[in-house]
Amino acid sequence: MLDGFEWVALLALVVIVAGGKKLPELGSGLGKGISEFKKAMGAADVKESETKPASEAKPADSKSEESK
């Protein structure tokens, strides 16, 4: 993982390459991208759970079925 000096050097490099005025735009774009990625992953999880066959689904209360 990166130490303190490495983070400072990385931040300085980003400021030099992108320029100080572009940093808020870059941060906003990065935040939007992350939120869209999380939404897409959540939708994929929901879609995956809906498409599982019934044979893979576990019964909600297996003890009550065994005692019958």
Foldseek 3Di string as FASTA:
>chain_A
DDDDVRVVVVVVVCCVVQPPVCVVVVVVVVVVVVVVVVVVVVVVVVVVVVPDDPVPDDDPDVVVVVVD
